Every structure is written in structure tokens, then in C-alpha cells.
Amino acid sequence: MSESTRPWGRYEILQESDVHKVKCIWVLPGKRLSYQRHEKRAEHWFIVSGTALVTYNGDEIKMQSGDTIDIAIGDLHRIENIGIDDVVFIEIQSGSYFGEDDIERIEDDFGR
């Protein structure tokens, strides 16, 4: 397993192949990922624990343990931790390419 630390938390790659990648992602309280989209992959998120606010194509959706969302290629999305504990979620990516350079950031709290 490969682990990576980010300013908003961290993630571990649980499994990957030519057609998919599975990550476990931890988002620290009060932090959020960039508002972003991808050209080459879709994502499915399953919330394991915590309270999240997901922005999806401009709509805000409160999510918690057991909730899921499908994000199609090109959809704008972001997850934010609005609780006091870490948000933990599983991200399943499917598509043709899974590199971190397939992120178009529309807005980012960390100047990336």
C-alpha cells in the first residue's frame, strides 16, 4: 500500500490496476479538498465515518456514514469535513488514467 500526506489529511492506495484505483482517504476536521474535475476518470465515494459536506456541480450535499455518491467524468466535486472527527471515505476510481495530474483545480485552499 502506498500512503501520501496532503495539507487536508492523507490517503492510502488500497488497490490499483489498468482500469481502476481504490483509495482510503482521511480528511481532517475543518479541511476540504480542492473543487476539481477529471478528464479521464469517474469516482464513486463511500463515506465510512465522519460528517462531510460534498459540493457536486454546485449543489451542497451533507453526507455521513453509509452514504455514497457517483461522480462522472467532468463533474465538479469537493468534499469538506464539517464535523469534529476525521471524515474517512473510500474512493473507487474507474476510467483510462489515474495519475494525480488528471486534476483540474477550480478552487483550492492551499494555492495548488
PDB file of N, CA and C in Angstrom:
ATOM      1  N   MET A   1       0.838  -1.189   0.000  1.00  0.00           N
ATOM      2  CA  MET A   1       0.000   0.000   0.000  1.00  0.00           C
ATOM      3  C   MET A   1       0.878   1.246   0.000  1.00  0.00           C
ATOM      4  N   SER A   2       0.425   2.216  -0.735  1.00  0.00           N
ATOM      5  CA  SER A   2       1.128   3.481  -0.851  1.00  0.00           C
ATOM      6  C   SER A   2       0.347   4.551  -0.092  1.00  0.00           C
ATOM      7  N   GLU A   3       1.031   5.319   0.743  1.00  0.00           N
ATOM      8  CA  GLU A   3       0.380   6.367   1.523  1.00  0.00           C
ATOM      9  C   GLU A   3       0.942   7.719   1.142  1.00  0.00           C
ATOM     10  N   SER A   4       0.084   8.744   1.141  1.00  0.00           N
ATOM     11  CA  SER A   4       0.509  10.094   0.793  1.00  0.00           C
ATOM     12  C   SER A   4      -0.162  11.088   1.732  1.00  0.00           C
ATOM     13  N   THR A   5       0.620  12.033   2.260  1.00  0.00           N
ATOM     14  CA  THR A   5       0.097  13.071   3.143  1.00  0.00           C
ATOM     15  C   THR A   5      -0.175  14.325   2.328  1.00  0.00           C
ATOM     16  N   ARG A   6      -1.277  14.984   2.631  1.00  0.00           N
ATOM     17  CA  ARG A   6      -1.688  16.212   1.966  1.00  0.00           C
ATOM     18  C   ARG A   6      -2.019  17.260   3.022  1.00  0.00           C
ATOM     19  N   PRO A   7      -2.133  18.554   2.641  1.00  0.00           N
ATOM     20  CA  PRO A   7      -2.448  19.580   3.653  1.00  0.00           C
ATOM     21  C   PRO A   7      -3.816  19.392   4.302  1.00  0.00           C
ATOM     22  N   TRP A   8      -4.729  18.670   3.653  1.00  0.00           N
ATOM     23  CA  TRP A   8      -6.075  18.421   4.172  1.00  0.00           C
ATOM     24  C   TRP A   8      -6.184  17.095   4.924  1.00  0.00           C
ATOM     25  N   GLY A   9      -5.157  16.251   4.859  1.00  0.00           N
ATOM     26  CA  GLY A   9      -5.221  14.934   5.508  1.00  0.00           C
ATOM     27  C   GLY A   9      -4.266  13.962   4.833  1.00  0.00           C
ATOM     28  N   ARG A  10      -4.775  12.755   4.488  1.00  0.00           N
ATOM     29  CA  ARG A  10      -3.915  11.763   3.847  1.00  0.00           C
ATOM     30  C   ARG A  10      -4.761  10.742   3.110  1.00  0.00           C
ATOM     31  N   TYR A  11      -4.092   9.937   2.287  1.00  0.00           N
ATOM     32  CA  TYR A  11      -4.785   8.817   1.647  1.00  0.00           C
ATOM     33  C   TYR A  11      -3.843   7.640   1.501  1.00  0.00           C
ATOM     34  N   GLU A  12      -4.438   6.460   1.409  1.00  0.00           N
ATOM     35  CA  GLU A  12      -3.707   5.232   1.120  1.00  0.00           C
ATOM     36  C   GLU A  12      -4.310   4.607  -0.126  1.00  0.00           C
ATOM     37  N   ILE A  13      -3.463   4.152  -1.033  1.00  0.00           N
ATOM     38  CA  ILE A  13      -3.930   3.400  -2.191  1.00  0.00           C
ATOM     39  C   ILE A  13      -4.061   1.948  -1.753  1.00  0.00           C
ATOM     40  N   LEU A  14      -5.283   1.429  -1.802  1.00  0.00           N
ATOM     41  CA  LEU A  14      -5.556   0.071  -1.351  1.00  0.00           C
ATOM     42  C   LEU A  14      -5.380  -0.953  -2.469  1.00  0.00           C
ATOM     43  N   GLN A  15      -5.717  -0.544  -3.700  1.00  0.00           N
ATOM     44  CA  GLN A  15      -5.623  -1.457  -4.840  1.00  0.00           C
ATOM     45  C   GLN A  15      -5.607  -0.629  -6.114  1.00  0.00           C
ATOM     46  N   GLU A  16      -4.882  -1.116  -7.130  1.00  0.00           N
ATOM     47  CA  GLU A  16      -4.907  -0.438  -8.419  1.00  0.00           C
ATOM     48  C   GLU A  16      -4.579  -1.402  -9.547  1.00  0.00           C
ATOM     49  N   SER A  17      -5.136  -1.088 -10.715  1.00  0.00           N
ATOM     50  CA  SER A  17      -4.885  -1.861 -11.933  1.00  0.00           C
ATOM     51  C   SER A  17      -4.941  -0.889 -13.108  1.00  0.00           C
ATOM     52  N   ASP A  18      -4.945  -1.405 -14.315  1.00  0.00           N
ATOM     53  CA  ASP A  18      -5.042  -0.555 -15.503  1.00  0.00           C
ATOM     54  C   ASP A  18      -6.410   0.094 -15.647  1.00  0.00           C
ATOM     55  N   VAL A  19      -7.433  -0.446 -14.982  1.00  0.00           N
ATOM     56  CA  VAL A  19      -8.796   0.051 -15.176  1.00  0.00           C
ATOM     57  C   VAL A  19      -9.447   0.609 -13.909  1.00  0.00           C
ATOM     58  N   HIS A  20      -8.740   0.553 -12.762  1.00  0.00           N
ATOM     59  CA  HIS A  20      -9.316   1.105 -11.541  1.00  0.00           C
ATOM     60  C   HIS A  20      -8.241   1.418 -10.505  1.00  0.00           C
ATOM     61  N   LYS A  21      -8.646   2.235  -9.521  1.00  0.00           N
ATOM     62  CA  LYS A  21      -7.810   2.505  -8.349  1.00  0.00           C
ATOM     63  C   LYS A  21      -8.751   2.683  -7.167  1.00  0.00           C
ATOM     64  N   VAL A  22      -8.364   2.135  -5.999  1.00  0.00           N
ATOM     65  CA  VAL A  22      -9.166   2.259  -4.785  1.00  0.00           C
ATOM     66  C   VAL A  22      -8.303   2.936  -3.713  1.00  0.00           C
ATOM     67  N   LYS A  23      -8.847   4.009  -3.124  1.00  0.00           N
ATOM     68  CA  LYS A  23      -8.142   4.745  -2.070  1.00  0.00           C
ATOM     69  C   LYS A  23      -9.002   4.808  -0.818  1.00  0.00           C
ATOM     70  N   CYS A  24      -8.352   4.826   0.341  1.00  0.00           N
ATOM     71  CA  CYS A  24      -8.986   5.218   1.591  1.00  0.00           C
ATOM     72  C   CYS A  24      -8.455   6.615   1.905  1.00  0.00           C
ATOM     73  N   ILE A  25      -9.366   7.561   2.120  1.00  0.00           N
ATOM     74  CA  ILE A  25      -8.990   8.968   2.279  1.00  0.00           C
ATOM     75  C   ILE A  25      -9.482   9.473   3.636  1.00  0.00           C
ATOM     76  N   TRP A  26      -8.592  10.158   4.352  1.00  0.00           N
ATOM     77  CA  TRP A  26      -8.905  10.786   5.634  1.00  0.00           C
ATOM     78  C   TRP A  26      -8.840  12.302   5.444  1.00  0.00           C
ATOM     79  N   VAL A  27      -9.917  13.007   5.821  1.00  0.00           N
ATOM     80  CA  VAL A  27      -9.959  14.468   5.739  1.00  0.00           C
ATOM     81  C   VAL A  27     -10.055  15.009   7.163  1.00  0.00           C
ATOM     82  N   LEU A  28      -9.118  15.870   7.532  1.00  0.00           N
ATOM     83  CA  LEU A  28      -9.069  16.432   8.881  1.00  0.00           C
ATOM     84  C   LEU A  28     -10.232  17.385   9.138  1.00  0.00           C
ATOM     85  N   PRO A  29     -10.673  17.522  10.402  1.00  0.00           N
ATOM     86  CA  PRO A  29     -11.751  18.458  10.731  1.00  0.00           C
ATOM     87  C   PRO A  29     -11.431  19.870  10.234  1.00  0.00           C
ATOM     88  N   GLY A  30     -12.423  20.500   9.615  1.00  0.00           N
ATOM     89  CA  GLY A  30     -12.264  21.866   9.119  1.00  0.00           C
ATOM     90  C   GLY A  30     -11.540  21.987   7.791  1.00  0.00           C
ATOM     91  N   LYS A  31     -11.097  20.893   7.218  1.00  0.00           N
ATOM     92  CA  LYS A  31     -10.351  20.930   5.952  1.00  0.00           C
ATOM     93  C   LYS A  31     -11.223  20.445   4.800  1.00  0.00           C
ATOM     94  N   ARG A  32     -10.810  20.793   3.581  1.00  0.00           N
ATOM     95  CA  ARG A  32     -11.510  20.331   2.389  1.00  0.00           C
ATOM     96  C   ARG A  32     -10.524  20.178   1.241  1.00  0.00           C
ATOM     97  N   LEU A  33     -10.874  19.300   0.325  1.00  0.00           N
ATOM     98  CA  LEU A  33     -10.077  19.101  -0.874  1.00  0.00           C
ATOM     99  C   LEU A  33     -10.395  20.223  -1.855  1.00  0.00           C
ATOM    100  N   SER A  34      -9.623  20.325  -2.912  1.00  0.00           N
ATOM    101  CA  SER A  34      -9.901  21.342  -3.921  1.00  0.00           C
ATOM    102  C   SER A  34     -11.195  21.016  -4.661  1.00  0.00           C
ATOM    103  N   TYR A  35     -11.839  22.087  -5.153  1.00  0.00           N
ATOM    104  CA  TYR A  35     -13.005  21.919  -6.029  1.00  0.00           C
ATOM    105  C   TYR A  35     -12.426  21.579  -7.386  1.00  0.00           C
ATOM    106  N   GLN A  36     -12.731  20.392  -7.907  1.00  0.00           N
ATOM    107  CA  GLN A  36     -11.974  19.843  -9.026  1.00  0.00           C
ATOM    108  C   GLN A  36     -12.827  19.005  -9.958  1.00  0.00           C
ATOM    109  N   ARG A  37     -12.224  18.638 -11.084  1.00  0.00           N
ATOM    110  CA  ARG A  37     -12.834  17.681 -12.009  1.00  0.00           C
ATOM    111  C   ARG A  37     -11.720  16.909 -12.703  1.00  0.00           C
ATOM    112  N   HIS A  38     -12.111  15.801 -13.331  1.00  0.00           N
ATOM    113  CA  HIS A  38     -11.158  14.929 -14.015  1.00  0.00           C
ATOM    114  C   HIS A  38     -11.619  14.674 -15.443  1.00  0.00           C
ATOM    115  N   GLU A  39     -10.667  14.542 -16.352  1.00  0.00           N
ATOM    116  CA  GLU A  39     -10.963  14.261 -17.757  1.00  0.00           C
ATOM    117  C   GLU A  39     -10.985  12.780 -18.079  1.00  0.00           C
ATOM    118  N   LYS A  40     -10.295  11.970 -17.251  1.00  0.00           N
ATOM    119  CA  LYS A  40     -10.088  10.570 -17.632  1.00  0.00           C
ATOM    120  C   LYS A  40     -10.601   9.556 -16.631  1.00  0.00           C
ATOM    121  N   ARG A  41     -11.241  10.024 -15.555  1.00  0.00           N
ATOM    122  CA  ARG A  41     -11.742   9.064 -14.579  1.00  0.00           C
ATOM    123  C   ARG A  41     -13.040   9.533 -13.934  1.00  0.00           C
ATOM    124  N   ALA A  42     -13.848   8.549 -13.568  1.00  0.00           N
ATOM    125  CA  ALA A  42     -15.037   8.758 -12.740  1.00  0.00           C
ATOM    126  C   ALA A  42     -14.696   8.258 -11.340  1.00  0.00           C
ATOM    127  N   GLU A  43     -15.488   8.681 -10.358  1.00  0.00           N
ATOM    128  CA  GLU A  43     -15.240   8.262  -8.984  1.00  0.00           C
ATOM    129  C   GLU A  43     -16.548   7.871  -8.303  1.00  0.00           C
ATOM    130  N   HIS A  44     -16.444   6.923  -7.380  1.00  0.00           N
ATOM    131  CA  HIS A  44     -17.550   6.538  -6.501  1.00  0.00           C
ATOM    132  C   HIS A  44     -17.032   6.700  -5.078  1.00  0.00           C
ATOM    133  N   TRP A  45     -17.740   7.470  -4.260  1.00  0.00           N
ATOM    134  CA  TRP A  45     -17.327   7.687  -2.882  1.00  0.00           C
ATOM    135  C   TRP A  45     -18.292   6.979  -1.930  1.00  0.00           C
ATOM    136  N   PHE A  46     -17.727   6.292  -0.943  1.00  0.00           N
ATOM    137  CA  PHE A  46     -18.494   5.663   0.135  1.00  0.00           C
ATOM    138  C   PHE A  46     -17.984   6.245   1.448  1.00  0.00           C
ATOM    139  N   ILE A  47     -18.855   6.926   2.181  1.00  0.00           N
ATOM    140  CA  ILE A  47     -18.461   7.547   3.449  1.00  0.00           C
ATOM    141  C   ILE A  47     -18.439   6.468   4.533  1.00  0.00           C
ATOM    142  N   VAL A  48     -17.270   6.293   5.155  1.00  0.00           N
ATOM    143  CA  VAL A  48     -17.100   5.302   6.220  1.00  0.00           C
ATOM    144  C   VAL A  48     -17.455   5.915   7.574  1.00  0.00           C
ATOM    145  N   SER A  49     -16.942   7.123   7.844  1.00  0.00           N
ATOM    146  CA  SER A  49     -17.216   7.779   9.122  1.00  0.00           C
ATOM    147  C   SER A  49     -17.020   9.278   8.999  1.00  0.00           C
ATOM    148  N   GLY A  50     -17.594  10.002   9.962  1.00  0.00           N
ATOM    149  CA  GLY A  50     -17.488  11.453   9.966  1.00  0.00           C
ATOM    150  C   GLY A  50     -18.677  12.108   9.282  1.00  0.00           C
ATOM    151  N   THR A  51     -18.663  13.449   9.291  1.00  0.00           N
ATOM    152  CA  THR A  51     -19.716  14.244   8.667  1.00  0.00           C
ATOM    153  C   THR A  51     -19.085  15.122   7.600  1.00  0.00           C
ATOM    154  N   ALA A  52     -19.552  14.946   6.367  1.00  0.00           N
ATOM    155  CA  ALA A  52     -18.955  15.640   5.232  1.00  0.00           C
ATOM    156  C   ALA A  52     -19.979  16.522   4.534  1.00  0.00           C
ATOM    157  N   LEU A  53     -19.473  17.587   3.928  1.00  0.00           N
ATOM    158  CA  LEU A  53     -20.268  18.394   3.023  1.00  0.00           C
ATOM    159  C   LEU A  53     -19.641  18.209   1.643  1.00  0.00           C
ATOM    160  N   VAL A  54     -20.400  17.610   0.740  1.00  0.00           N
ATOM    161  CA  VAL A  54     -19.919  17.373  -0.616  1.00  0.00           C
ATOM    162  C   VAL A  54     -20.526  18.427  -1.524  1.00  0.00           C
ATOM    163  N   THR A  55     -19.672  19.119  -2.281  1.00  0.00           N
ATOM    164  CA  THR A  55     -20.138  20.032  -3.321  1.00  0.00           C
ATOM    165  C   THR A  55     -20.032  19.274  -4.631  1.00  0.00           C
ATOM    166  N   TYR A  56     -21.172  19.159  -5.328  1.00  0.00           N
ATOM    167  CA  TYR A  56     -21.264  18.363  -6.552  1.00  0.00           C
ATOM    168  C   TYR A  56     -21.952  19.209  -7.622  1.00  0.00           C
ATOM    169  N   ASN A  57     -21.173  19.648  -8.607  1.00  0.00           N
ATOM    170  CA  ASN A  57     -21.701  20.516  -9.669  1.00  0.00           C
ATOM    171  C   ASN A  57     -22.495  21.695  -9.104  1.00  0.00           C
ATOM    172  N   GLY A  58     -21.965  22.301  -8.026  1.00  0.00           N
ATOM    173  CA  GLY A  58     -22.578  23.487  -7.441  1.00  0.00           C
ATOM    174  C   GLY A  58     -23.586  23.215  -6.341  1.00  0.00           C
ATOM    175  N   ASP A  59     -24.061  21.980  -6.197  1.00  0.00           N
ATOM    176  CA  ASP A  59     -25.013  21.630  -5.141  1.00  0.00           C
ATOM    177  C   ASP A  59     -24.259  21.112  -3.921  1.00  0.00           C
ATOM    178  N   GLU A  60     -24.720  21.485  -2.722  1.00  0.00           N
ATOM    179  CA  GLU A  60     -24.106  21.010  -1.487  1.00  0.00           C
ATOM    180  C   GLU A  60     -24.959  19.901  -0.879  1.00  0.00           C
ATOM    181  N   ILE A  61     -24.302  18.793  -0.529  1.00  0.00           N
ATOM    182  CA  ILE A  61     -24.981  17.615  -0.001  1.00  0.00           C
ATOM    183  C   ILE A  61     -24.276  17.195   1.280  1.00  0.00           C
ATOM    184  N   LYS A  62     -25.022  17.140   2.393  1.00  0.00           N
ATOM    185  CA  LYS A  62     -24.441  16.661   3.649  1.00  0.00           C
ATOM    186  C   LYS A  62     -24.441  15.138   3.618  1.00  0.00           C
ATOM    187  N   MET A  63     -23.304  14.533   3.942  1.00  0.00           N
ATOM    188  CA  MET A  63     -23.171  13.078   3.889  1.00  0.00           C
ATOM    189  C   MET A  63     -22.537  12.570   5.175  1.00  0.00           C
ATOM    190  N   GLN A  64     -22.895  11.330   5.537  1.00  0.00           N
ATOM    191  CA  GLN A  64     -22.296  10.682   6.698  1.00  0.00           C
ATOM    192  C   GLN A  64     -22.182   9.184   6.454  1.00  0.00           C
ATOM    193  N   SER A  65     -21.792   8.461   7.465  1.00  0.00           N
ATOM    194  CA  SER A  65     -21.504   7.036   7.353  1.00  0.00           C
ATOM    195  C   SER A  65     -22.587   6.290   6.571  1.00  0.00           C
ATOM    196  N   GLY A  66     -22.157   5.537   5.562  1.00  0.00           N
ATOM    197  CA  GLY A  66     -23.057   4.737   4.743  1.00  0.00           C
ATOM    198  C   GLY A  66     -23.534   5.421   3.477  1.00  0.00           C
ATOM    199  N   ASP A  67     -23.361   6.739   3.380  1.00  0.00           N
ATOM    200  CA  ASP A  67     -23.793   7.466   2.187  1.00  0.00           C
ATOM    201  C   ASP A  67     -22.800   7.281   1.044  1.00  0.00           C
ATOM    202  N   THR A  68     -23.316   7.350  -0.186  1.00  0.00           N
ATOM    203  CA  THR A  68     -22.469   7.211  -1.379  1.00  0.00           C
ATOM    204  C   THR A  68     -22.831   8.281  -2.401  1.00  0.00           C
ATOM    205  N   ILE A  69     -21.883   8.537  -3.307  1.00  0.00           N
ATOM    206  CA  ILE A  69     -22.142   9.445  -4.426  1.00  0.00           C
ATOM    207  C   ILE A  69     -21.301   8.983  -5.619  1.00  0.00           C
ATOM    208  N   ASP A  70     -21.883   9.086  -6.797  1.00  0.00           N
ATOM    209  CA  ASP A  70     -21.175   8.788  -8.039  1.00  0.00           C
ATOM    210  C   ASP A  70     -20.823  10.096  -8.727  1.00  0.00           C
ATOM    211  N   ILE A  71     -19.571  10.216  -9.137  1.00  0.00           N
ATOM    212  CA  ILE A  71     -19.065  11.420  -9.785  1.00  0.00           C
ATOM    213  C   ILE A  71     -18.591  11.021 -11.179  1.00  0.00           C
ATOM    214  N   ALA A  72     -19.285  11.513 -12.194  1.00  0.00           N
ATOM    215  CA  ALA A  72     -18.945  11.164 -13.574  1.00  0.00           C
ATOM    216  C   ALA A  72     -17.735  11.959 -14.055  1.00  0.00           C
ATOM    217  N   ILE A  73     -17.106  11.488 -15.104  1.00  0.00           N
ATOM    218  CA  ILE A  73     -16.010  12.224 -15.734  1.00  0.00           C
ATOM    219  C   ILE A  73     -16.490  13.634 -16.058  1.00  0.00           C
ATOM    220  N   GLY A  74     -15.709  14.643 -15.667  1.00  0.00           N
ATOM    221  CA  GLY A  74     -16.038  16.037 -15.951  1.00  0.00           C
ATOM    222  C   GLY A  74     -16.890  16.730 -14.910  1.00  0.00           C
ATOM    223  N   ASP A  75     -17.470  15.977 -13.949  1.00  0.00           N
ATOM    224  CA  ASP A  75     -18.282  16.604 -12.902  1.00  0.00           C
ATOM    225  C   ASP A  75     -17.390  17.348 -11.910  1.00  0.00           C
ATOM    226  N   LEU A  76     -17.839  18.537 -11.484  1.00  0.00           N
ATOM    227  CA  LEU A  76     -17.132  19.289 -10.448  1.00  0.00           C
ATOM    228  C   LEU A  76     -17.485  18.703  -9.089  1.00  0.00           C
ATOM    229  N   HIS A  77     -16.461  18.542  -8.226  1.00  0.00           N
ATOM    230  CA  HIS A  77     -16.707  17.930  -6.921  1.00  0.00           C
ATOM    231  C   HIS A  77     -15.673  18.349  -5.889  1.00  0.00           C
ATOM    232  N   ARG A  78     -16.113  18.293  -4.632  1.00  0.00           N
ATOM    233  CA  ARG A  78     -15.240  18.583  -3.492  1.00  0.00           C
ATOM    234  C   ARG A  78     -15.868  17.935  -2.267  1.00  0.00           C
ATOM    235  N   ILE A  79     -15.021  17.509  -1.328  1.00  0.00           N
ATOM    236  CA  ILE A  79     -15.504  17.028  -0.036  1.00  0.00           C
ATOM    237  C   ILE A  79     -14.858  17.864   1.056  1.00  0.00           C
ATOM    238  N   GLU A  80     -15.671  18.206   2.063  1.00  0.00           N
ATOM    239  CA  GLU A  80     -15.220  19.032   3.184  1.00  0.00           C
ATOM    240  C   GLU A  80     -15.633  18.355   4.479  1.00  0.00           C
ATOM    241  N   ASN A  81     -14.747  18.387   5.462  1.00  0.00           N
ATOM    242  CA  ASN A  81     -15.061  17.840   6.779  1.00  0.00           C
ATOM    243  C   ASN A  81     -15.704  18.931   7.619  1.00  0.00           C
ATOM    244  N   ILE A  82     -17.009  18.772   7.926  1.00  0.00           N
ATOM    245  CA  ILE A  82     -17.723  19.774   8.725  1.00  0.00           C
ATOM    246  C   ILE A  82     -17.964  19.285  10.153  1.00  0.00           C
ATOM    247  N   GLY A  83     -17.350  18.147  10.513  1.00  0.00           N
ATOM    248  CA  GLY A  83     -17.521  17.593  11.852  1.00  0.00           C
ATOM    249  C   GLY A  83     -16.293  17.803  12.722  1.00  0.00           C
ATOM    250  N   ILE A  84     -16.274  17.090  13.859  1.00  0.00           N
ATOM    251  CA  ILE A  84     -15.156  17.217  14.804  1.00  0.00           C
ATOM    252  C   ILE A  84     -14.185  16.041  14.707  1.00  0.00           C
ATOM    253  N   ASP A  85     -14.580  14.979  14.016  1.00  0.00           N
ATOM    254  CA  ASP A  85     -13.720  13.814  13.806  1.00  0.00           C
ATOM    255  C   ASP A  85     -13.312  13.755  12.336  1.00  0.00           C
ATOM    256  N   ASP A  86     -12.269  12.985  12.052  1.00  0.00           N
ATOM    257  CA  ASP A  86     -11.863  12.801  10.659  1.00  0.00           C
ATOM    258  C   ASP A  86     -13.025  12.258   9.823  1.00  0.00           C
ATOM    259  N   VAL A  87     -13.135  12.742   8.591  1.00  0.00           N
ATOM    260  CA  VAL A  87     -14.002  12.095   7.609  1.00  0.00           C
ATOM    261  C   VAL A  87     -13.151  11.022   6.939  1.00  0.00           C
ATOM    262  N   VAL A  88     -13.650   9.810   6.911  1.00  0.00           N
ATOM    263  CA  VAL A  88     -12.968   8.705   6.235  1.00  0.00           C
ATOM    264  C   VAL A  88     -13.894   8.224   5.133  1.00  0.00           C
ATOM    265  N   PHE A  89     -13.349   8.137   3.904  1.00  0.00           N
ATOM    266  CA  PHE A  89     -14.164   7.610   2.822  1.00  0.00           C
ATOM    267  C   PHE A  89     -13.326   6.779   1.869  1.00  0.00           C
ATOM    268  N   ILE A  90     -14.012   5.867   1.194  1.00  0.00           N
ATOM    269  CA  ILE A  90     -13.390   5.034   0.175  1.00  0.00           C
ATOM    270  C   ILE A  90     -13.714   5.643  -1.182  1.00  0.00           C
ATOM    271  N   GLU A  91     -12.688   5.835  -1.991  1.00  0.00           N
ATOM    272  CA  GLU A  91     -12.849   6.370  -3.340  1.00  0.00           C
ATOM    273  C   GLU A  91     -12.478   5.283  -4.341  1.00  0.00           C
ATOM    274  N   ILE A  92     -13.425   4.941  -5.199  1.00  0.00           N
ATOM    275  CA  ILE A  92     -13.176   3.963  -6.256  1.00  0.00           C
ATOM    276  C   ILE A  92     -13.142   4.725  -7.572  1.00  0.00           C
ATOM    277  N   GLN A  93     -11.979   4.709  -8.213  1.00  0.00           N
ATOM    278  CA  GLN A  93     -11.808   5.394  -9.489  1.00  0.00           C
ATOM    279  C   GLN A  93     -11.912   4.380 -10.617  1.00  0.00           C
ATOM    280  N   SER A  94     -12.615   4.764 -11.701  1.00  0.00           N
ATOM    281  CA  SER A  94     -12.658   3.932 -12.899  1.00  0.00           C
ATOM    282  C   SER A  94     -12.451   4.833 -14.103  1.00  0.00           C
ATOM    283  N   GLY A  95     -11.805   4.294 -15.111  1.00  0.00           N
ATOM    284  CA  GLY A  95     -11.528   5.090 -16.299  1.00  0.00           C
ATOM    285  C   GLY A  95     -10.287   4.615 -17.002  1.00  0.00           C
ATOM    286  N   SER A  96      -9.631   5.550 -17.700  1.00  0.00           N
ATOM    287  CA  SER A  96      -8.477   5.189 -18.520  1.00  0.00           C
ATOM    288  C   SER A  96      -7.151   5.670 -17.951  1.00  0.00           C
ATOM    289  N   TYR A  97      -7.180   6.561 -16.928  1.00  0.00           N
ATOM    290  CA  TYR A  97      -5.941   7.116 -16.380  1.00  0.00           C
ATOM    291  C   TYR A  97      -6.207   7.611 -14.965  1.00  0.00           C
ATOM    292  N   PHE A  98      -5.262   7.338 -14.032  1.00  0.00           N
ATOM    293  CA  PHE A  98      -5.496   7.635 -12.614  1.00  0.00           C
ATOM    294  C   PHE A  98      -4.410   8.498 -11.978  1.00  0.00           C
ATOM    295  N   GLY A  99      -3.575   9.122 -12.776  1.00  0.00           N
ATOM    296  CA  GLY A  99      -2.498   9.961 -12.249  1.00  0.00           C
ATOM    297  C   GLY A  99      -3.027  11.199 -11.550  1.00  0.00           C
ATOM    298  N   GLU A 100      -2.249  11.691 -10.587  1.00  0.00           N
ATOM    299  CA  GLU A 100      -2.631  12.892  -9.850  1.00  0.00           C
ATOM    300  C   GLU A 100      -2.619  14.133 -10.754  1.00  0.00           C
ATOM    301  N   ASP A 101      -2.018  14.042 -11.942  1.00  0.00           N
ATOM    302  CA  ASP A 101      -2.022  15.180 -12.858  1.00  0.00           C
ATOM    303  C   ASP A 101      -3.325  15.275 -13.665  1.00  0.00           C
ATOM    304  N   ASP A 102      -4.270  14.347 -13.459  1.00  0.00           N
ATOM    305  CA  ASP A 102      -5.601  14.456 -14.070  1.00  0.00           C
ATOM    306  C   ASP A 102      -6.561  15.137 -13.087  1.00  0.00           C
ATOM    307  N   ILE A 103      -6.074  16.225 -12.492  1.00  0.00           N
ATOM    308  CA  ILE A 103      -6.896  17.028 -11.589  1.00  0.00           C
ATOM    309  C   ILE A 103      -6.890  18.455 -12.118  1.00  0.00           C
ATOM    310  N   GLU A 104      -8.065  18.945 -12.500  1.00  0.00           N
ATOM    311  CA  GLU A 104      -8.203  20.356 -12.851  1.00  0.00           C
ATOM    312  C   GLU A 104      -8.817  21.039 -11.641  1.00  0.00           C
ATOM    313  N   ARG A 105      -7.994  21.842 -10.941  1.00  0.00           N
ATOM    314  CA  ARG A 105      -8.468  22.511  -9.729  1.00  0.00           C
ATOM    315  C   ARG A 105      -9.148  23.824 -10.103  1.00  0.00           C
ATOM    316  N   ILE A 106     -10.397  23.972  -9.695  1.00  0.00           N
ATOM    317  CA  ILE A 106     -11.166  25.192  -9.942  1.00  0.00           C
ATOM    318  C   ILE A 106     -10.950  26.170  -8.789  1.00  0.00           C
ATOM    319  N   GLU A 107     -10.844  25.625  -7.568  1.00  0.00           N
ATOM    320  CA  GLU A 107     -10.640  26.418  -6.361  1.00  0.00           C
ATOM    321  C   GLU A 107      -9.866  25.558  -5.378  1.00  0.00           C
ATOM    322  N   ASP A 108      -8.881  26.151  -4.679  1.00  0.00           N
ATOM    323  CA  ASP A 108      -8.062  25.353  -3.764  1.00  0.00           C
ATOM    324  C   ASP A 108      -7.631  26.201  -2.577  1.00  0.00           C
ATOM    325  N   ASP A 109      -7.853  25.689  -1.361  1.00  0.00           N
ATOM    326  CA  ASP A 109      -7.496  26.415  -0.138  1.00  0.00           C
ATOM    327  C   ASP A 109      -5.993  26.507   0.076  1.00  0.00           C
ATOM    328  N   PHE A 110      -5.220  25.700  -0.648  1.00  0.00           N
ATOM    329  CA  PHE A 110      -3.789  25.590  -0.375  1.00  0.00           C
ATOM    330  C   PHE A 110      -2.922  26.129  -1.518  1.00  0.00           C
ATOM    331  N   GLY A 111      -3.519  26.870  -2.458  1.00  0.00           N
ATOM    332  CA  GLY A 111      -2.778  27.533  -3.524  1.00  0.00           C
ATOM    333  C   GLY A 111      -2.122  26.608  -4.519  1.00  0.00           C
ATOM    334  N   ARG A 112      -2.711  25.411  -4.721  1.00  0.00           N
ATOM    335  CA  ARG A 112      -2.131  24.486  -5.682  1.00  0.00           C
ATOM    336  C   ARG A 112      -2.704  24.720  -7.069  1.00  0.00           C
TER     337      ARG A 112
END
